Amino acid sequence: MAAGMGVCLVLAAAATASHPATTFLAIERFTLAWTHSIEKVRWEEDYEVARTATSDARPVLRATESRVRGSAAGMEPPASAVLRNGWYAYPPAQRHPGALRLSRSEFVPDYELCTHGVCQPLSQWLPSDGGVTLLTACHAP
């Protein structure tokens, strides 16, 4: 990965142009994981930070795989899913999200960010304000 690229976590409600309330993580690949609040089914999405092919070579997120541990009402895996080791794995519907909008609440377990086989709640890096946390690819501040 190019030096100075990674992901930024931003509390959307606290962010302003002059004070973005951003936490930078120098990571190249990660898994975003969470447990569905009602069905208690675990979901995982794999991402990597890549450069655009444009002259500014800005960092972007690239979704590489999505997985769900089973299925439940309203949470059926897509027809392209393959059952592998108890997980339905499939290509993400959106390969290049501009930002991930993560709704965080004190009433459900936090999202987990997994790198190098270790998963930790997002609160390890940025406390929740009970609202939306934006996760984007970015350059180090």
C-alpha atoms as a PDB file:
ATOM      1  CA  MET A   1       0.000   0.000   0.000  1.00  0.00           C
ATOM      2  CA  ALA A   2       1.176   3.515  -0.673  1.00  0.00           C
ATOM      3  CA  ALA A   3       2.509   5.371   2.337  1.00  0.00           C
ATOM      4  CA  GLY A   4      -0.002   7.550   4.101  1.00  0.00           C
ATOM      5  CA  MET A   5      -3.128   5.716   2.920  1.00  0.00           C
ATOM      6  CA  GLY A   6      -5.616   3.935   5.138  1.00  0.00           C
ATOM      7  CA  VAL A   7      -9.103   4.482   6.521  1.00  0.00           C
ATOM      8  CA  CYS A   8     -10.642   7.360   8.420  1.00  0.00           C
ATOM      9  CA  LEU A   9     -13.388   7.013  11.025  1.00  0.00           C
ATOM     10  CA  VAL A  10     -15.486  10.146  11.473  1.00  0.00           C
ATOM     11  CA  LEU A  11     -18.386  10.866  13.831  1.00  0.00           C
ATOM     12  CA  ALA A  12     -20.776  12.370  11.287  1.00  0.00           C
ATOM     13  CA  ALA A  13     -22.679  14.562  13.767  1.00  0.00           C
ATOM     14  CA  ALA A  14     -19.493  16.024  15.257  1.00  0.00           C
ATOM     15  CA  ALA A  15     -17.697  16.637  11.984  1.00  0.00           C
ATOM     16  CA  THR A  16     -17.386  20.145  10.621  1.00  0.00           C
ATOM     17  CA  ALA A  17     -15.184  21.517   7.881  1.00  0.00           C
ATOM     18  CA  SER A  18     -12.840  23.071  10.445  1.00  0.00           C
ATOM     19  CA  HIS A  19     -12.877  20.159  12.934  1.00  0.00           C
ATOM     20  CA  PRO A  20     -13.551  16.778  11.318  1.00  0.00           C
ATOM     21  CA  ALA A  21     -13.220  14.594  14.497  1.00  0.00           C
ATOM     22  CA  THR A  22     -11.314  11.990  12.489  1.00  0.00           C
ATOM     23  CA  THR A  23      -9.336   8.925  13.533  1.00  0.00           C
ATOM     24  CA  PHE A  24      -6.864   7.617  10.940  1.00  0.00           C
ATOM     25  CA  LEU A  25      -5.921   3.911  10.763  1.00  0.00           C
ATOM     26  CA  ALA A  26      -3.011   2.897   8.530  1.00  0.00           C
ATOM     27  CA  ILE A  27      -4.539  -0.350   7.255  1.00  0.00           C
ATOM     28  CA  GLU A  28      -4.563  -1.813   3.768  1.00  0.00           C
ATOM     29  CA  ARG A  29      -7.146  -4.589   4.190  1.00  0.00           C
ATOM     30  CA  PHE A  30      -9.852  -5.146   6.769  1.00  0.00           C
ATOM     31  CA  THR A  31     -13.080  -6.932   7.527  1.00  0.00           C
ATOM     32  CA  LEU A  32     -16.070  -5.028   8.860  1.00  0.00           C
ATOM     33  CA  ALA A  33     -18.217  -7.348  11.008  1.00  0.00           C
ATOM     34  CA  TRP A  34     -21.456  -7.006  12.965  1.00  0.00           C
ATOM     35  CA  THR A  35     -24.281  -9.073  14.400  1.00  0.00           C
ATOM     36  CA  HIS A  36     -27.823  -8.371  13.220  1.00  0.00           C
ATOM     37  CA  SER A  37     -29.675  -6.766  16.132  1.00  0.00           C
ATOM     38  CA  ILE A  38     -32.822  -8.919  15.884  1.00  0.00           C
ATOM     39  CA  GLU A  39     -31.846 -12.139  14.119  1.00  0.00           C
ATOM     40  CA  LYS A  40     -28.435 -12.406  15.891  1.00  0.00           C
ATOM     41  CA  VAL A  41     -26.764 -13.466  12.631  1.00  0.00           C
ATOM     42  CA  ARG A  42     -23.163 -12.395  11.997  1.00  0.00           C
ATOM     43  CA  TRP A  43     -22.273 -10.511   8.816  1.00  0.00           C
ATOM     44  CA  GLU A  44     -18.808  -9.770   7.468  1.00  0.00           C
ATOM     45  CA  GLU A  45     -17.592  -7.643   4.572  1.00  0.00           C
ATOM     46  CA  ASP A  46     -14.003  -7.579   3.312  1.00  0.00           C
ATOM     47  CA  TYR A  47     -12.472  -4.346   1.994  1.00  0.00           C
ATOM     48  CA  GLU A  48      -9.166  -3.085   0.725  1.00  0.00           C
ATOM     49  CA  VAL A  49      -7.839   0.439   0.288  1.00  0.00           C
ATOM     50  CA  ALA A  50      -6.763   1.110  -3.302  1.00  0.00           C
ATOM     51  CA  ARG A  51      -5.690   4.067  -5.403  1.00  0.00           C
ATOM     52  CA  THR A  52      -7.874   5.464  -8.157  1.00  0.00           C
ATOM     53  CA  ALA A  53      -6.484   5.272 -11.662  1.00  0.00           C
ATOM     54  CA  THR A  54      -6.804   9.043 -12.007  1.00  0.00           C
ATOM     55  CA  SER A  55      -3.898  11.443 -11.828  1.00  0.00           C
ATOM     56  CA  ASP A  56      -4.670  12.420  -8.211  1.00  0.00           C
ATOM     57  CA  ALA A  57      -4.420   8.726  -7.131  1.00  0.00           C
ATOM     58  CA  ARG A  58      -6.786   9.306  -4.232  1.00  0.00           C
ATOM     59  CA  PRO A  59      -7.551   6.319  -1.995  1.00  0.00           C
ATOM     60  CA  VAL A  60     -10.855   4.474  -2.399  1.00  0.00           C
ATOM     61  CA  LEU A  61     -12.540   1.534  -0.703  1.00  0.00           C
ATOM     62  CA  ARG A  62     -12.918  -1.653  -2.723  1.00  0.00           C
ATOM     63  CA  ALA A  63     -15.334  -4.300  -1.419  1.00  0.00           C
ATOM     64  CA  THR A  64     -14.008  -7.785  -2.170  1.00  0.00           C
ATOM     65  CA  GLU A  65     -16.390 -10.257  -0.468  1.00  0.00           C
ATOM     66  CA  SER A  66     -19.494 -10.365   1.722  1.00  0.00           C
ATOM     67  CA  ARG A  67     -20.469 -13.201   4.056  1.00  0.00           C
ATOM     68  CA  VAL A  68     -23.422 -14.031   6.269  1.00  0.00           C
ATOM     69  CA  ARG A  69     -23.481 -16.843   8.848  1.00  0.00           C
ATOM     70  CA  GLY A  70     -26.821 -18.399   7.913  1.00  0.00           C
ATOM     71  CA  SER A  71     -30.043 -16.746   6.872  1.00  0.00           C
ATOM     72  CA  ALA A  72     -33.187 -15.440   8.508  1.00  0.00           C
ATOM     73  CA  ALA A  73     -36.374 -13.586   7.668  1.00  0.00           C
ATOM     74  CA  GLY A  74     -35.543 -10.720   5.312  1.00  0.00           C
ATOM     75  CA  MET A  75     -31.846 -11.633   5.333  1.00  0.00           C
ATOM     76  CA  GLU A  76     -31.635 -14.246   2.609  1.00  0.00           C
ATOM     77  CA  PRO A  77     -28.264 -14.415   0.848  1.00  0.00           C
ATOM     78  CA  PRO A  78     -28.370 -13.533  -2.863  1.00  0.00           C
ATOM     79  CA  ALA A  79     -28.696 -16.235  -5.514  1.00  0.00           C
ATOM     80  CA  SER A  80     -24.964 -15.925  -6.283  1.00  0.00           C
ATOM     81  CA  ALA A  81     -24.010 -16.963  -2.712  1.00  0.00           C
ATOM     82  CA  VAL A  82     -21.969 -20.100  -2.114  1.00  0.00           C
ATOM     83  CA  LEU A  83     -22.176 -22.010   1.191  1.00  0.00           C
ATOM     84  CA  ARG A  84     -18.601 -22.407   2.462  1.00  0.00           C
ATOM     85  CA  ASN A  85     -17.725 -23.542   6.018  1.00  0.00           C
ATOM     86  CA  GLY A  86     -21.105 -22.433   7.381  1.00  0.00           C
ATOM     87  CA  TRP A  87     -20.990 -19.000   5.688  1.00  0.00           C
ATOM     88  CA  TYR A  88     -22.866 -17.830   2.607  1.00  0.00           C
ATOM     89  CA  ALA A  89     -20.187 -15.939   0.641  1.00  0.00           C
ATOM     90  CA  TYR A  90     -20.970 -13.715  -2.331  1.00  0.00           C
ATOM     91  CA  PRO A  91     -19.626 -10.754  -4.307  1.00  0.00           C
ATOM     92  CA  PRO A  92     -20.722  -7.409  -2.834  1.00  0.00           C
ATOM     93  CA  ALA A  93     -23.489  -5.564  -4.681  1.00  0.00           C
ATOM     94  CA  GLN A  94     -21.563  -2.303  -4.407  1.00  0.00           C
ATOM     95  CA  ARG A  95     -17.849  -2.766  -5.154  1.00  0.00           C
ATOM     96  CA  HIS A  96     -16.700   0.848  -4.626  1.00  0.00           C
ATOM     97  CA  PRO A  97     -18.664   2.531  -1.846  1.00  0.00           C
ATOM     98  CA  GLY A  98     -17.665   6.151  -1.335  1.00  0.00           C
ATOM     99  CA  ALA A  99     -18.184   5.863   2.412  1.00  0.00           C
ATOM    100  CA  LEU A 100     -19.655   3.320   4.773  1.00  0.00           C
ATOM    101  CA  ARG A 101     -22.353   4.884   6.972  1.00  0.00           C
ATOM    102  CA  LEU A 102     -22.341   2.860  10.195  1.00  0.00           C
ATOM    103  CA  SER A 103     -25.254   3.474  12.580  1.00  0.00           C
ATOM    104  CA  ARG A 104     -23.961   2.808  16.091  1.00  0.00           C
ATOM    105  CA  SER A 105     -26.149   2.493  19.155  1.00  0.00           C
ATOM    106  CA  GLU A 106     -25.634   1.678  22.816  1.00  0.00           C
ATOM    107  CA  PHE A 107     -28.413  -0.924  22.491  1.00  0.00           C
ATOM    108  CA  VAL A 108     -26.526  -3.279  20.162  1.00  0.00           C
ATOM    109  CA  PRO A 109     -22.951  -4.560  20.032  1.00  0.00           C
ATOM    110  CA  ASP A 110     -20.575  -2.245  18.184  1.00  0.00           C
ATOM    111  CA  TYR A 111     -19.272  -2.954  14.698  1.00  0.00           C
ATOM    112  CA  GLU A 112     -15.973  -4.805  14.682  1.00  0.00           C
ATOM    113  CA  LEU A 113     -12.970  -3.956  12.560  1.00  0.00           C
ATOM    114  CA  CYS A 114     -10.804  -7.012  11.888  1.00  0.00           C
ATOM    115  CA  THR A 115      -7.203  -6.837  10.708  1.00  0.00           C
ATOM    116  CA  HIS A 116      -4.581  -9.578  10.623  1.00  0.00           C
ATOM    117  CA  GLY A 117      -7.091 -12.055  12.120  1.00  0.00           C
ATOM    118  CA  VAL A 118      -7.909  -9.897  15.172  1.00  0.00           C
ATOM    119  CA  CYS A 119     -11.350  -8.270  15.573  1.00  0.00           C
ATOM    120  CA  GLN A 120     -11.931  -5.280  17.856  1.00  0.00           C
ATOM    121  CA  PRO A 121     -14.965  -3.023  18.326  1.00  0.00           C
ATOM    122  CA  LEU A 122     -14.827   0.348  16.573  1.00  0.00           C
ATOM    123  CA  SER A 123     -14.909   1.939  20.031  1.00  0.00           C
ATOM    124  CA  GLN A 124     -11.284   0.798  20.344  1.00  0.00           C
ATOM    125  CA  TRP A 125     -10.427   3.687  18.000  1.00  0.00           C
ATOM    126  CA  LEU A 126     -13.406   6.061  18.097  1.00  0.00           C
ATOM    127  CA  PRO A 127     -16.139   6.189  20.757  1.00  0.00           C
ATOM    128  CA  SER A 128     -19.709   6.126  19.508  1.00  0.00           C
ATOM    129  CA  ASP A 129     -21.888   9.191  19.833  1.00  0.00           C
ATOM    130  CA  GLY A 130     -24.999   7.061  19.247  1.00  0.00           C
ATOM    131  CA  GLY A 131     -25.253   8.299  15.667  1.00  0.00           C
ATOM    132  CA  VAL A 132     -23.546   7.596  12.365  1.00  0.00           C
ATOM    133  CA  THR A 133     -19.840   6.920  11.996  1.00  0.00           C
ATOM    134  CA  LEU A 134     -18.436   7.349   8.504  1.00  0.00           C
ATOM    135  CA  LEU A 135     -15.670   4.981   7.381  1.00  0.00           C
ATOM    136  CA  THR A 136     -13.804   6.149   4.282  1.00  0.00           C
ATOM    137  CA  ALA A 137     -10.520   5.520   2.499  1.00  0.00           C
ATOM    138  CA  CYS A 138      -8.223   8.476   3.090  1.00  0.00           C
ATOM    139  CA  HIS A 139      -4.711   9.875   3.259  1.00  0.00           C
ATOM    140  CA  ALA A 140      -3.095  10.318   6.671  1.00  0.00           C
ATOM    141  CA  PRO A 141      -3.999  13.743   8.084  1.00  0.00           C
END
